[in-house]
Amino acid sequence: MAEKKQYISTEPADKVKFKADPQEEQKTYLKITNKSEMKQAFKVKCTRNDLFRIKPATGVLDYNQTLTIMLIYRGGQEKLPSEERHHFGIYHIPAPEGCSCEGAWAEHYGPPQGEVKLRVIWE
């Protein structure tokens, strides 16, 4: 099976790291870059909105544009959430010229053009 072309690259590429402190609110950053020949509408989702926040969670990336997204662990937990279960997903689709992010997703049918999953690691 041929590997699907990745139109969005991420830094980090495969995991998001937070300190192993369940109580403390923490921030880390994710860079996403559009490697395709056209604009891409994106959404960033997480496994639990009560544990994590994403700023901004949606948007449109121009060709070759890089955007930094803040990923926040909200803290206030008695113990660390289990590692295997949590990840952030970046989903993207082509965005027609002049289209908003919401408009691109509203018009889109079927699965996203691409997705990247980043596991959450506690260290």
PDB file of N, CA and C in Angstrom:
ATOM      1  N   MET A   1       0.842  -1.190   0.000  1.00  0.00           N
ATOM      2  CA  MET A   1       0.000   0.000   0.000  1.00  0.00           C
ATOM      3  C   MET A   1       0.883   1.248   0.000  1.00  0.00           C
ATOM      4  N   ALA A   2       0.631   2.144  -0.917  1.00  0.00           N
ATOM      5  CA  ALA A   2       1.419   3.378  -1.008  1.00  0.00           C
ATOM      6  C   ALA A   2       1.078   4.289   0.173  1.00  0.00           C
ATOM      7  N   GLU A   3       2.109   4.934   0.688  1.00  0.00           N
ATOM      8  CA  GLU A   3       1.893   5.854   1.806  1.00  0.00           C
ATOM      9  C   GLU A   3       1.211   7.116   1.280  1.00  0.00           C
ATOM     10  N   LYS A   4       0.209   7.578   2.024  1.00  0.00           N
ATOM     11  CA  LYS A   4      -0.495   8.790   1.607  1.00  0.00           C
ATOM     12  C   LYS A   4       0.418   9.991   1.733  1.00  0.00           C
ATOM     13  N   LYS A   5       0.372  10.878   0.750  1.00  0.00           N
ATOM     14  CA  LYS A   5       1.171  12.097   0.800  1.00  0.00           C
ATOM     15  C   LYS A   5       0.693  12.959   1.961  1.00  0.00           C
ATOM     16  N   GLN A   6       1.634  13.456   2.739  1.00  0.00           N
ATOM     17  CA  GLN A   6       1.290  14.343   3.850  1.00  0.00           C
ATOM     18  C   GLN A   6       1.310  15.788   3.352  1.00  0.00           C
ATOM     19  N   TYR A   7       0.181  16.443   3.477  1.00  0.00           N
ATOM     20  CA  TYR A   7       0.099  17.834   3.040  1.00  0.00           C
ATOM     21  C   TYR A   7       0.372  18.804   4.188  1.00  0.00           C
ATOM     22  N   ILE A   8       0.302  18.293   5.419  1.00  0.00           N
ATOM     23  CA  ILE A   8       0.581  19.126   6.596  1.00  0.00           C
ATOM     24  C   ILE A   8       1.688  18.433   7.373  1.00  0.00           C
ATOM     25  N   SER A   9       2.736  19.179   7.722  1.00  0.00           N
ATOM     26  CA  SER A   9       3.770  18.603   8.580  1.00  0.00           C
ATOM     27  C   SER A   9       3.634  19.224   9.965  1.00  0.00           C
ATOM     28  N   THR A  10       4.040  18.474  10.976  1.00  0.00           N
ATOM     29  CA  THR A  10       3.937  18.959  12.349  1.00  0.00           C
ATOM     30  C   THR A  10       5.287  18.887  13.042  1.00  0.00           C
ATOM     31  N   GLU A  11       5.480  19.788  13.968  1.00  0.00           N
ATOM     32  CA  GLU A  11       6.658  19.772  14.821  1.00  0.00           C
ATOM     33  C   GLU A  11       6.174  20.017  16.241  1.00  0.00           C
ATOM     34  N   PRO A  12       6.250  19.037  17.144  1.00  0.00           N
ATOM     35  CA  PRO A  12       6.845  17.702  16.990  1.00  0.00           C
ATOM     36  C   PRO A  12       6.061  16.826  16.020  1.00  0.00           C
ATOM     37  N   ALA A  13       6.715  15.745  15.543  1.00  0.00           N
ATOM     38  CA  ALA A  13       6.129  14.910  14.497  1.00  0.00           C
ATOM     39  C   ALA A  13       5.226  13.795  15.015  1.00  0.00           C
ATOM     40  N   ASP A  14       5.463  13.310  16.260  1.00  0.00           N
ATOM     41  CA  ASP A  14       4.706  12.120  16.682  1.00  0.00           C
ATOM     42  C   ASP A  14       4.201  12.142  18.117  1.00  0.00           C
ATOM     43  N   LYS A  15       4.746  13.016  18.970  1.00  0.00           N
ATOM     44  CA  LYS A  15       4.252  13.064  20.353  1.00  0.00           C
ATOM     45  C   LYS A  15       4.323  14.464  20.928  1.00  0.00           C
ATOM     46  N   VAL A  16       3.455  14.711  21.911  1.00  0.00           N
ATOM     47  CA  VAL A  16       3.398  15.980  22.629  1.00  0.00           C
ATOM     48  C   VAL A  16       3.789  15.674  24.064  1.00  0.00           C
ATOM     49  N   LYS A  17       4.750  16.429  24.604  1.00  0.00           N
ATOM     50  CA  LYS A  17       5.248  16.141  25.952  1.00  0.00           C
ATOM     51  C   LYS A  17       4.777  17.187  26.953  1.00  0.00           C
ATOM     52  N   PHE A  18       4.329  16.694  28.110  1.00  0.00           N
ATOM     53  CA  PHE A  18       4.012  17.538  29.259  1.00  0.00           C
ATOM     54  C   PHE A  18       4.782  16.992  30.451  1.00  0.00           C
ATOM     55  N   LYS A  19       5.087  17.864  31.434  1.00  0.00           N
ATOM     56  CA  LYS A  19       5.732  17.408  32.668  1.00  0.00           C
ATOM     57  C   LYS A  19       4.781  16.486  33.423  1.00  0.00           C
ATOM     58  N   ALA A  20       5.354  15.543  34.150  1.00  0.00           N
ATOM     59  CA  ALA A  20       4.551  14.573  34.900  1.00  0.00           C
ATOM     60  C   ALA A  20       4.043  15.193  36.208  1.00  0.00           C
ATOM     61  N   ASP A  21       3.265  16.263  36.090  1.00  0.00           N
ATOM     62  CA  ASP A  21       2.670  16.925  37.255  1.00  0.00           C
ATOM     63  C   ASP A  21       1.176  17.074  36.988  1.00  0.00           C
ATOM     64  N   PRO A  22       0.340  16.219  37.603  1.00  0.00           N
ATOM     65  CA  PRO A  22      -1.090  16.230  37.285  1.00  0.00           C
ATOM     66  C   PRO A  22      -1.823  17.482  37.779  1.00  0.00           C
ATOM     67  N   GLN A  23      -1.259  18.194  38.749  1.00  0.00           N
ATOM     68  CA  GLN A  23      -1.927  19.357  39.342  1.00  0.00           C
ATOM     69  C   GLN A  23      -1.734  20.645  38.541  1.00  0.00           C
ATOM     70  N   GLU A  24      -0.537  20.820  37.976  1.00  0.00           N
ATOM     71  CA  GLU A  24      -0.134  22.096  37.392  1.00  0.00           C
ATOM     72  C   GLU A  24      -0.634  22.274  35.957  1.00  0.00           C
ATOM     73  N   GLU A  25      -1.185  23.483  35.655  1.00  0.00           N
ATOM     74  CA  GLU A  25      -1.525  23.805  34.265  1.00  0.00           C
ATOM     75  C   GLU A  25      -0.217  23.983  33.498  1.00  0.00           C
ATOM     76  N   GLN A  26      -0.159  23.397  32.295  1.00  0.00           N
ATOM     77  CA  GLN A  26       1.063  23.470  31.493  1.00  0.00           C
ATOM     78  C   GLN A  26       0.730  23.816  30.054  1.00  0.00           C
ATOM     79  N   LYS A  27       1.693  24.480  29.394  1.00  0.00           N
ATOM     80  CA  LYS A  27       1.527  24.834  27.983  1.00  0.00           C
ATOM     81  C   LYS A  27       2.689  24.255  27.193  1.00  0.00           C
ATOM     82  N   THR A  28       2.379  23.822  25.980  1.00  0.00           N
ATOM     83  CA  THR A  28       3.419  23.440  25.038  1.00  0.00           C
ATOM     84  C   THR A  28       2.950  23.925  23.669  1.00  0.00           C
ATOM     85  N   TYR A  29       3.832  23.843  22.682  1.00  0.00           N
ATOM     86  CA  TYR A  29       3.501  24.406  21.373  1.00  0.00           C
ATOM     87  C   TYR A  29       3.657  23.372  20.270  1.00  0.00           C
ATOM     88  N   LEU A  30       2.799  23.492  19.288  1.00  0.00           N
ATOM     89  CA  LEU A  30       2.785  22.627  18.117  1.00  0.00           C
ATOM     90  C   LEU A  30       2.871  23.533  16.894  1.00  0.00           C
ATOM     91  N   LYS A  31       3.808  23.235  15.998  1.00  0.00           N
ATOM     92  CA  LYS A  31       3.895  23.984  14.743  1.00  0.00           C
ATOM     93  C   LYS A  31       3.322  23.121  13.637  1.00  0.00           C
ATOM     94  N   ILE A  32       2.416  23.698  12.844  1.00  0.00           N
ATOM     95  CA  ILE A  32       1.918  22.979  11.677  1.00  0.00           C
ATOM     96  C   ILE A  32       2.255  23.796  10.433  1.00  0.00           C
ATOM     97  N   THR A  33       2.672  23.101   9.373  1.00  0.00           N
ATOM     98  CA  THR A  33       3.081  23.749   8.128  1.00  0.00           C
ATOM     99  C   THR A  33       2.333  23.116   6.960  1.00  0.00           C
ATOM    100  N   ASN A  34       1.791  23.964   6.096  1.00  0.00           N
ATOM    101  CA  ASN A  34       1.101  23.501   4.891  1.00  0.00           C
ATOM    102  C   ASN A  34       2.136  23.208   3.809  1.00  0.00           C
ATOM    103  N   LYS A  35       2.239  21.941   3.408  1.00  0.00           N
ATOM    104  CA  LYS A  35       3.196  21.523   2.375  1.00  0.00           C
ATOM    105  C   LYS A  35       2.512  21.295   1.026  1.00  0.00           C
ATOM    106  N   SER A  36       1.207  21.592   0.943  1.00  0.00           N
ATOM    107  CA  SER A  36       0.492  21.316  -0.304  1.00  0.00           C
ATOM    108  C   SER A  36       0.569  22.518  -1.240  1.00  0.00           C
ATOM    109  N   GLU A  37      -0.034  22.367  -2.415  1.00  0.00           N
ATOM    110  CA  GLU A  37      -0.020  23.426  -3.426  1.00  0.00           C
ATOM    111  C   GLU A  37      -1.204  24.373  -3.272  1.00  0.00           C
ATOM    112  N   MET A  38      -2.068  24.119  -2.277  1.00  0.00           N
ATOM    113  CA  MET A  38      -3.225  25.005  -2.082  1.00  0.00           C
ATOM    114  C   MET A  38      -3.496  25.206  -0.594  1.00  0.00           C
ATOM    115  N   LYS A  39      -4.396  26.148  -0.308  1.00  0.00           N
ATOM    116  CA  LYS A  39      -4.747  26.408   1.086  1.00  0.00           C
ATOM    117  C   LYS A  39      -5.360  25.157   1.711  1.00  0.00           C
ATOM    118  N   GLN A  40      -5.148  24.991   3.016  1.00  0.00           N
ATOM    119  CA  GLN A  40      -5.687  23.855   3.750  1.00  0.00           C
ATOM    120  C   GLN A  40      -6.442  24.374   4.974  1.00  0.00           C
ATOM    121  N   ALA A  41      -7.681  23.929   5.135  1.00  0.00           N
ATOM    122  CA  ALA A  41      -8.427  24.210   6.359  1.00  0.00           C
ATOM    123  C   ALA A  41      -8.057  23.099   7.342  1.00  0.00           C
ATOM    124  N   PHE A  42      -7.826  23.474   8.597  1.00  0.00           N
ATOM    125  CA  PHE A  42      -7.440  22.468   9.588  1.00  0.00           C
ATOM    126  C   PHE A  42      -8.306  22.557  10.839  1.00  0.00           C
ATOM    127  N   LYS A  43      -8.346  21.427  11.545  1.00  0.00           N
ATOM    128  CA  LYS A  43      -8.964  21.333  12.873  1.00  0.00           C
ATOM    129  C   LYS A  43      -7.984  20.560  13.734  1.00  0.00           C
ATOM    130  N   VAL A  44      -7.815  20.990  14.974  1.00  0.00           N
ATOM    131  CA  VAL A  44      -7.009  20.235  15.932  1.00  0.00           C
ATOM    132  C   VAL A  44      -7.972  19.785  17.030  1.00  0.00           C
ATOM    133  N   LYS A  45      -7.983  18.490  17.290  1.00  0.00           N
ATOM    134  CA  LYS A  45      -8.886  17.934  18.307  1.00  0.00           C
ATOM    135  C   LYS A  45      -8.062  17.179  19.340  1.00  0.00           C
ATOM    136  N   CYS A  46      -8.683  16.967  20.513  1.00  0.00           N
ATOM    137  CA  CYS A  46      -8.012  16.205  21.557  1.00  0.00           C
ATOM    138  C   CYS A  46      -8.977  15.153  22.097  1.00  0.00           C
ATOM    139  N   THR A  47      -8.432  14.222  22.875  1.00  0.00           N
ATOM    140  CA  THR A  47      -9.253  13.132  23.386  1.00  0.00           C
ATOM    141  C   THR A  47     -10.186  13.582  24.504  1.00  0.00           C
ATOM    142  N   ARG A  48      -9.799  14.609  25.284  1.00  0.00           N
ATOM    143  CA  ARG A  48     -10.672  15.059  26.376  1.00  0.00           C
ATOM    144  C   ARG A  48     -10.591  16.573  26.548  1.00  0.00           C
ATOM    145  N   ASN A  49     -11.697  17.248  26.232  1.00  0.00           N
ATOM    146  CA  ASN A  49     -11.740  18.707  26.353  1.00  0.00           C
ATOM    147  C   ASN A  49     -11.657  19.183  27.802  1.00  0.00           C
ATOM    148  N   ASP A  50     -11.998  18.314  28.764  1.00  0.00           N
ATOM    149  CA  ASP A  50     -11.877  18.734  30.170  1.00  0.00           C
ATOM    150  C   ASP A  50     -10.416  18.713  30.641  1.00  0.00           C
ATOM    151  N   LEU A  51      -9.523  18.004  29.927  1.00  0.00           N
ATOM    152  CA  LEU A  51      -8.107  17.956  30.296  1.00  0.00           C
ATOM    153  C   LEU A  51      -7.238  18.893  29.464  1.00  0.00           C
ATOM    154  N   PHE A  52      -7.623  19.113  28.202  1.00  0.00           N
ATOM    155  CA  PHE A  52      -6.764  19.857  27.283  1.00  0.00           C
ATOM    156  C   PHE A  52      -7.522  20.993  26.602  1.00  0.00           C
ATOM    157  N   ARG A  53      -6.773  22.056  26.258  1.00  0.00           N
ATOM    158  CA  ARG A  53      -7.323  23.148  25.444  1.00  0.00           C
ATOM    159  C   ARG A  53      -6.380  23.376  24.282  1.00  0.00           C
ATOM    160  N   ILE A  54      -6.929  23.900  23.190  1.00  0.00           N
ATOM    161  CA  ILE A  54      -6.169  24.107  21.959  1.00  0.00           C
ATOM    162  C   ILE A  54      -6.456  25.519  21.470  1.00  0.00           C
ATOM    163  N   LYS A  55      -5.397  26.315  21.212  1.00  0.00           N
ATOM    164  CA  LYS A  55      -5.586  27.696  20.741  1.00  0.00           C
ATOM    165  C   LYS A  55      -4.642  27.990  19.590  1.00  0.00           C
ATOM    166  N   PRO A  56      -5.091  28.282  18.395  1.00  0.00           N
ATOM    167  CA  PRO A  56      -6.456  28.128  17.895  1.00  0.00           C
ATOM    168  C   PRO A  56      -6.707  26.670  17.491  1.00  0.00           C
ATOM    169  N   ALA A  57      -7.942  26.243  17.564  1.00  0.00           N
ATOM    170  CA  ALA A  57      -8.289  24.857  17.242  1.00  0.00           C
ATOM    171  C   ALA A  57      -8.630  24.665  15.770  1.00  0.00           C
ATOM    172  N   THR A  58      -8.943  25.761  15.068  1.00  0.00           N
ATOM    173  CA  THR A  58      -9.284  25.675  13.639  1.00  0.00           C
ATOM    174  C   THR A  58      -8.673  26.862  12.909  1.00  0.00           C
ATOM    175  N   GLY A  59      -8.569  26.734  11.586  1.00  0.00           N
ATOM    176  CA  GLY A  59      -8.058  27.842  10.786  1.00  0.00           C
ATOM    177  C   GLY A  59      -7.784  27.404   9.365  1.00  0.00           C
ATOM    178  N   VAL A  60      -7.228  28.335   8.588  1.00  0.00           N
ATOM    179  CA  VAL A  60      -6.835  28.060   7.205  1.00  0.00           C
ATOM    180  C   VAL A  60      -5.356  28.405   7.066  1.00  0.00           C
ATOM    181  N   LEU A  61      -4.593  27.472   6.517  1.00  0.00           N
ATOM    182  CA  LEU A  61      -3.169  27.688   6.269  1.00  0.00           C
ATOM    183  C   LEU A  61      -2.947  27.943   4.791  1.00  0.00           C
ATOM    184  N   ASP A  62      -2.275  29.030   4.481  1.00  0.00           N
ATOM    185  CA  ASP A  62      -1.896  29.331   3.111  1.00  0.00           C
ATOM    186  C   ASP A  62      -0.779  28.378   2.683  1.00  0.00           C
ATOM    187  N   TYR A  63      -0.491  28.309   1.386  1.00  0.00           N
ATOM    188  CA  TYR A  63       0.589  27.476   0.876  1.00  0.00           C
ATOM    189  C   TYR A  63       1.892  27.852   1.582  1.00  0.00           C
ATOM    190  N   ASN A  64       2.577  26.866   2.121  1.00  0.00           N
ATOM    191  CA  ASN A  64       3.867  27.032   2.797  1.00  0.00           C
ATOM    192  C   ASN A  64       3.806  27.829   4.102  1.00  0.00           C
ATOM    193  N   GLN A  65       2.627  28.128   4.611  1.00  0.00           N
ATOM    194  CA  GLN A  65       2.498  28.868   5.869  1.00  0.00           C
ATOM    195  C   GLN A  65       2.700  27.935   7.059  1.00  0.00           C
ATOM    196  N   THR A  66       3.339  28.459   8.098  1.00  0.00           N
ATOM    197  CA  THR A  66       3.501  27.732   9.365  1.00  0.00           C
ATOM    198  C   THR A  66       2.757  28.490  10.440  1.00  0.00           C
ATOM    199  N   LEU A  67       2.060  27.762  11.290  1.00  0.00           N
ATOM    200  CA  LEU A  67       1.298  28.358  12.383  1.00  0.00           C
ATOM    201  C   LEU A  67       1.684  27.653  13.674  1.00  0.00           C
ATOM    202  N   THR A  68       1.829  28.437  14.741  1.00  0.00           N
ATOM    203  CA  THR A  68       2.110  27.855  16.053  1.00  0.00           C
ATOM    204  C   THR A  68       0.812  27.773  16.842  1.00  0.00           C
ATOM    205  N   ILE A  69       0.528  26.588  17.363  1.00  0.00           N
ATOM    206  CA  ILE A  69      -0.698  26.336  18.122  1.00  0.00           C
ATOM    207  C   ILE A  69      -0.314  26.022  19.564  1.00  0.00           C
ATOM    208  N   MET A  70      -1.013  26.652  20.508  1.00  0.00           N
ATOM    209  CA  MET A  70      -0.751  26.394  21.924  1.00  0.00           C
ATOM    210  C   MET A  70      -1.616  25.232  22.386  1.00  0.00           C
ATOM    211  N   LEU A  71      -0.969  24.226  22.989  1.00  0.00           N
ATOM    212  CA  LEU A  71      -1.670  23.082  23.563  1.00  0.00           C
ATOM    213  C   LEU A  71      -1.546  23.213  25.081  1.00  0.00           C
ATOM    214  N   ILE A  72      -2.659  23.194  25.764  1.00  0.00           N
ATOM    215  CA  ILE A  72      -2.676  23.423  27.208  1.00  0.00           C
ATOM    216  C   ILE A  72      -3.222  22.190  27.921  1.00  0.00           C
ATOM    217  N   TYR A  73      -2.449  21.716  28.908  1.00  0.00           N
ATOM    218  CA  TYR A  73      -2.963  20.706  29.832  1.00  0.00           C
ATOM    219  C   TYR A  73      -3.532  21.493  31.006  1.00  0.00           C
ATOM    220  N   ARG A  74      -4.781  21.286  31.338  1.00  0.00           N
ATOM    221  CA  ARG A  74      -5.477  22.133  32.307  1.00  0.00           C
ATOM    222  C   ARG A  74      -5.091  21.888  33.765  1.00  0.00           C
ATOM    223  N   GLY A  75      -4.493  20.738  34.074  1.00  0.00           N
ATOM    224  CA  GLY A  75      -4.072  20.467  35.446  1.00  0.00           C
ATOM    225  C   GLY A  75      -5.258  20.154  36.356  1.00  0.00           C
ATOM    226  N   GLY A  76      -4.999  20.234  37.666  1.00  0.00           N
ATOM    227  CA  GLY A  76      -6.056  20.016  38.647  1.00  0.00           C
ATOM    228  C   GLY A  76      -6.476  18.577  38.817  1.00  0.00           C
ATOM    229  N   GLN A  77      -5.641  17.628  38.369  1.00  0.00           N
ATOM    230  CA  GLN A  77      -5.967  16.203  38.486  1.00  0.00           C
ATOM    231  C   GLN A  77      -5.239  15.603  39.683  1.00  0.00           C
ATOM    232  N   GLU A  78      -5.826  14.582  40.296  1.00  0.00           N
ATOM    233  CA  GLU A  78      -5.181  13.879  41.413  1.00  0.00           C
ATOM    234  C   GLU A  78      -3.995  13.053  40.926  1.00  0.00           C
ATOM    235  N   LYS A  79      -4.199  12.356  39.794  1.00  0.00           N
ATOM    236  CA  LYS A  79      -3.105  11.564  39.231  1.00  0.00           C
ATOM    237  C   LYS A  79      -3.043  11.808  37.729  1.00  0.00           C
ATOM    238  N   LEU A  80      -1.921  11.424  37.133  1.00  0.00           N
ATOM    239  CA  LEU A  80      -1.729  11.651  35.700  1.00  0.00           C
ATOM    240  C   LEU A  80      -2.738  10.845  34.893  1.00  0.00           C
ATOM    241  N   PRO A  81      -3.314  11.454  33.876  1.00  0.00           N
ATOM    242  CA  PRO A  81      -4.175  10.685  32.955  1.00  0.00           C
ATOM    243  C   PRO A  81      -3.321   9.613  32.267  1.00  0.00           C
ATOM    244  N   SER A  82      -3.930   8.489  31.902  1.00  0.00           N
ATOM    245  CA  SER A  82      -3.138   7.409  31.307  1.00  0.00           C
ATOM    246  C   SER A  82      -2.627   7.807  29.927  1.00  0.00           C
ATOM    247  N   GLU A  83      -1.353   7.453  29.675  1.00  0.00           N
ATOM    248  CA  GLU A  83      -0.649   7.870  28.464  1.00  0.00           C
ATOM    249  C   GLU A  83      -1.221   7.280  27.185  1.00  0.00           C
ATOM    250  N   GLU A  84      -1.556   5.998  27.227  1.00  0.00           N
ATOM    251  CA  GLU A  84      -1.959   5.319  25.996  1.00  0.00           C
ATOM    252  C   GLU A  84      -3.219   5.930  25.404  1.00  0.00           C
ATOM    253  N   ARG A  85      -4.033   6.553  26.248  1.00  0.00           N
ATOM    254  CA  ARG A  85      -5.355   6.970  25.800  1.00  0.00           C
ATOM    255  C   ARG A  85      -5.408   8.345  25.159  1.00  0.00           C
ATOM    256  N   HIS A  86      -4.432   9.207  25.423  1.00  0.00           N
ATOM    257  CA  HIS A  86      -4.596  10.597  25.008  1.00  0.00           C
ATOM    258  C   HIS A  86      -3.728  10.974  23.818  1.00  0.00           C
ATOM    259  N   HIS A  87      -4.347  11.728  22.913  1.00  0.00           N
ATOM    260  CA  HIS A  87      -3.620  12.234  21.757  1.00  0.00           C
ATOM    261  C   HIS A  87      -4.308  13.493  21.232  1.00  0.00           C
ATOM    262  N   PHE A  88      -3.572  14.209  20.397  1.00  0.00           N
ATOM    263  CA  PHE A  88      -4.116  15.328  19.636  1.00  0.00           C
ATOM    264  C   PHE A  88      -4.173  14.884  18.181  1.00  0.00           C
ATOM    265  N   GLY A  89      -5.242  15.222  17.494  1.00  0.00           N
ATOM    266  CA  GLY A  89      -5.381  14.891  16.075  1.00  0.00           C
ATOM    267  C   GLY A  89      -5.471  16.169  15.260  1.00  0.00           C
ATOM    268  N   ILE A  90      -4.704  16.235  14.181  1.00  0.00           N
ATOM    269  CA  ILE A  90      -4.759  17.383  13.265  1.00  0.00           C
ATOM    270  C   ILE A  90      -5.384  16.859  11.974  1.00  0.00           C
ATOM    271  N   TYR A  91      -6.505  17.424  11.585  1.00  0.00           N
ATOM    272  CA  TYR A  91      -7.241  17.003  10.393  1.00  0.00           C
ATOM    273  C   TYR A  91      -7.245  18.161   9.412  1.00  0.00           C
ATOM    274  N   HIS A  92      -7.121  17.868   8.110  1.00  0.00           N
ATOM    275  CA  HIS A  92      -7.123  18.966   7.142  1.00  0.00           C
ATOM    276  C   HIS A  92      -7.781  18.566   5.828  1.00  0.00           C
ATOM    277  N   ILE A  93      -8.276  19.598   5.143  1.00  0.00           N
ATOM    278  CA  ILE A  93      -8.919  19.444   3.833  1.00  0.00           C
ATOM    279  C   ILE A  93      -8.531  20.655   2.977  1.00  0.00           C
ATOM    280  N   PRO A  94      -8.637  20.547   1.649  1.00  0.00           N
ATOM    281  CA  PRO A  94      -8.372  21.706   0.798  1.00  0.00           C
ATOM    282  C   PRO A  94      -9.381  22.817   1.094  1.00  0.00           C
ATOM    283  N   ALA A  95      -8.910  24.055   1.082  1.00  0.00           N
ATOM    284  CA  ALA A  95      -9.792  25.206   1.317  1.00  0.00           C
ATOM    285  C   ALA A  95      -9.825  26.054   0.051  1.00  0.00           C
ATOM    286  N   PRO A  96     -10.975  26.124  -0.617  1.00  0.00           N
ATOM    287  CA  PRO A  96     -11.070  26.952  -1.825  1.00  0.00           C
ATOM    288  C   PRO A  96     -10.714  28.413  -1.528  1.00  0.00           C
ATOM    289  N   GLU A  97     -10.190  29.089  -2.522  1.00  0.00           N
ATOM    290  CA  GLU A  97      -9.807  30.497  -2.379  1.00  0.00           C
ATOM    291  C   GLU A  97     -10.975  31.317  -1.834  1.00  0.00           C
ATOM    292  N   GLY A  98     -10.718  32.149  -0.841  1.00  0.00           N
ATOM    293  CA  GLY A  98     -11.748  33.021  -0.285  1.00  0.00           C
ATOM    294  C   GLY A  98     -12.704  32.337   0.677  1.00  0.00           C
ATOM    295  N   CYS A  99     -12.462  31.077   0.977  1.00  0.00           N
ATOM    296  CA  CYS A  99     -13.357  30.304   1.840  1.00  0.00           C
ATOM    297  C   CYS A  99     -12.883  30.390   3.293  1.00  0.00           C
ATOM    298  N   SER A 100     -13.826  30.447   4.218  1.00  0.00           N
ATOM    299  CA  SER A 100     -13.465  30.408   5.634  1.00  0.00           C
ATOM    300  C   SER A 100     -13.227  28.954   6.038  1.00  0.00           C
ATOM    301  N   CYS A 101     -12.630  28.764   7.188  1.00  0.00           N
ATOM    302  CA  CYS A 101     -12.408  27.408   7.707  1.00  0.00           C
ATOM    303  C   CYS A 101     -13.746  26.693   7.885  1.00  0.00           C
ATOM    304  N   GLU A 102     -14.696  27.363   8.517  1.00  0.00           N
ATOM    305  CA  GLU A 102     -16.011  26.760   8.756  1.00  0.00           C
ATOM    306  C   GLU A 102     -16.699  26.422   7.438  1.00  0.00           C
ATOM    307  N   GLY A 103     -16.593  27.320   6.464  1.00  0.00           N
ATOM    308  CA  GLY A 103     -17.193  27.091   5.152  1.00  0.00           C
ATOM    309  C   GLY A 103     -16.594  25.897   4.438  1.00  0.00           C
ATOM    310  N   ALA A 104     -15.255  25.766   4.521  1.00  0.00           N
ATOM    311  CA  ALA A 104     -14.576  24.642   3.864  1.00  0.00           C
ATOM    312  C   ALA A 104     -15.052  23.320   4.455  1.00  0.00           C
ATOM    313  N   TRP A 105     -15.147  23.229   5.790  1.00  0.00           N
ATOM    314  CA  TRP A 105     -15.590  21.986   6.423  1.00  0.00           C
ATOM    315  C   TRP A 105     -17.066  21.731   6.156  1.00  0.00           C
ATOM    316  N   ALA A 106     -17.880  22.787   6.099  1.00  0.00           N
ATOM    317  CA  ALA A 106     -19.318  22.618   5.847  1.00  0.00           C
ATOM    318  C   ALA A 106     -19.563  22.036   4.454  1.00  0.00           C
ATOM    319  N   GLU A 107     -18.721  22.423   3.485  1.00  0.00           N
ATOM    320  CA  GLU A 107     -18.889  21.970   2.095  1.00  0.00           C
ATOM    321  C   GLU A 107     -18.257  20.600   1.848  1.00  0.00           C
ATOM    322  N   HIS A 108     -17.381  20.173   2.750  1.00  0.00           N
ATOM    323  CA  HIS A 108     -16.590  18.954   2.531  1.00  0.00           C
ATOM    324  C   HIS A 108     -17.396  17.693   2.862  1.00  0.00           C
ATOM    325  N   TYR A 109     -17.300  16.700   1.984  1.00  0.00           N
ATOM    326  CA  TYR A 109     -17.938  15.406   2.220  1.00  0.00           C
ATOM    327  C   TYR A 109     -16.862  14.344   2.330  1.00  0.00           C
ATOM    328  N   GLY A 110     -17.099  13.358   3.176  1.00  0.00           N
ATOM    329  CA  GLY A 110     -16.155  12.253   3.303  1.00  0.00           C
ATOM    330  C   GLY A 110     -15.069  12.540   4.322  1.00  0.00           C
ATOM    331  N   PRO A 111     -14.063  11.653   4.372  1.00  0.00           N
ATOM    332  CA  PRO A 111     -13.000  11.808   5.363  1.00  0.00           C
ATOM    333  C   PRO A 111     -12.103  12.999   5.026  1.00  0.00           C
ATOM    334  N   PRO A 112     -11.337  13.473   6.007  1.00  0.00           N
ATOM    335  CA  PRO A 112     -10.406  14.567   5.716  1.00  0.00           C
ATOM    336  C   PRO A 112      -9.348  14.112   4.715  1.00  0.00           C
ATOM    337  N   GLN A 113      -8.700  15.087   4.064  1.00  0.00           N
ATOM    338  CA  GLN A 113      -7.651  14.756   3.098  1.00  0.00           C
ATOM    339  C   GLN A 113      -6.462  14.112   3.821  1.00  0.00           C
ATOM    340  N   GLY A 114      -6.256  14.518   5.051  1.00  0.00           N
ATOM    341  CA  GLY A 114      -5.144  13.951   5.810  1.00  0.00           C
ATOM    342  C   GLY A 114      -5.341  14.162   7.292  1.00  0.00           C
ATOM    343  N   GLU A 115      -4.626  13.359   8.066  1.00  0.00           N
ATOM    344  CA  GLU A 115      -4.660  13.523   9.515  1.00  0.00           C
ATOM    345  C   GLU A 115      -3.327  13.112  10.101  1.00  0.00           C
ATOM    346  N   VAL A 116      -2.978  13.768  11.205  1.00  0.00           N
ATOM    347  CA  VAL A 116      -1.762  13.454  11.947  1.00  0.00           C
ATOM    348  C   VAL A 116      -2.194  13.270  13.390  1.00  0.00           C
ATOM    349  N   LYS A 117      -1.729  12.187  14.030  1.00  0.00           N
ATOM    350  CA  LYS A 117      -2.035  11.971  15.444  1.00  0.00           C
ATOM    351  C   LYS A 117      -0.757  12.070  16.251  1.00  0.00           C
ATOM    352  N   LEU A 118      -0.829  12.838  17.328  1.00  0.00           N
ATOM    353  CA  LEU A 118       0.304  13.021  18.214  1.00  0.00           C
ATOM    354  C   LEU A 118      -0.057  12.492  19.596  1.00  0.00           C
ATOM    355  N   ARG A 119       0.669  11.492  20.062  1.00  0.00           N
ATOM    356  CA  ARG A 119       0.424  10.919  21.390  1.00  0.00           C
ATOM    357  C   ARG A 119       0.862  11.873  22.484  1.00  0.00           C
ATOM    358  N   VAL A 120       0.134  11.880  23.595  1.00  0.00           N
ATOM    359  CA  VAL A 120       0.529  12.670  24.764  1.00  0.00           C
ATOM    360  C   VAL A 120       1.446  11.818  25.628  1.00  0.00           C
ATOM    361  N   ILE A 121       2.613  12.384  25.983  1.00  0.00           N
ATOM    362  CA  ILE A 121       3.622  11.711  26.818  1.00  0.00           C
ATOM    363  C   ILE A 121       3.837  12.551  28.076  1.00  0.00           C
ATOM    364  N   TRP A 122       3.883  11.903  29.215  1.00  0.00           N
ATOM    365  CA  TRP A 122       4.171  12.584  30.501  1.00  0.00           C
ATOM    366  C   TRP A 122       5.592  12.257  30.900  1.00  0.00           C
ATOM    367  N   GLU A 123       6.432  13.311  31.121  1.00  0.00           N
ATOM    368  CA  GLU A 123       7.808  13.031  31.569  1.00  0.00           C
ATOM    369  C   GLU A 123       8.266  13.957  32.666  1.00  0.00           C
TER     370      GLU A 123
END
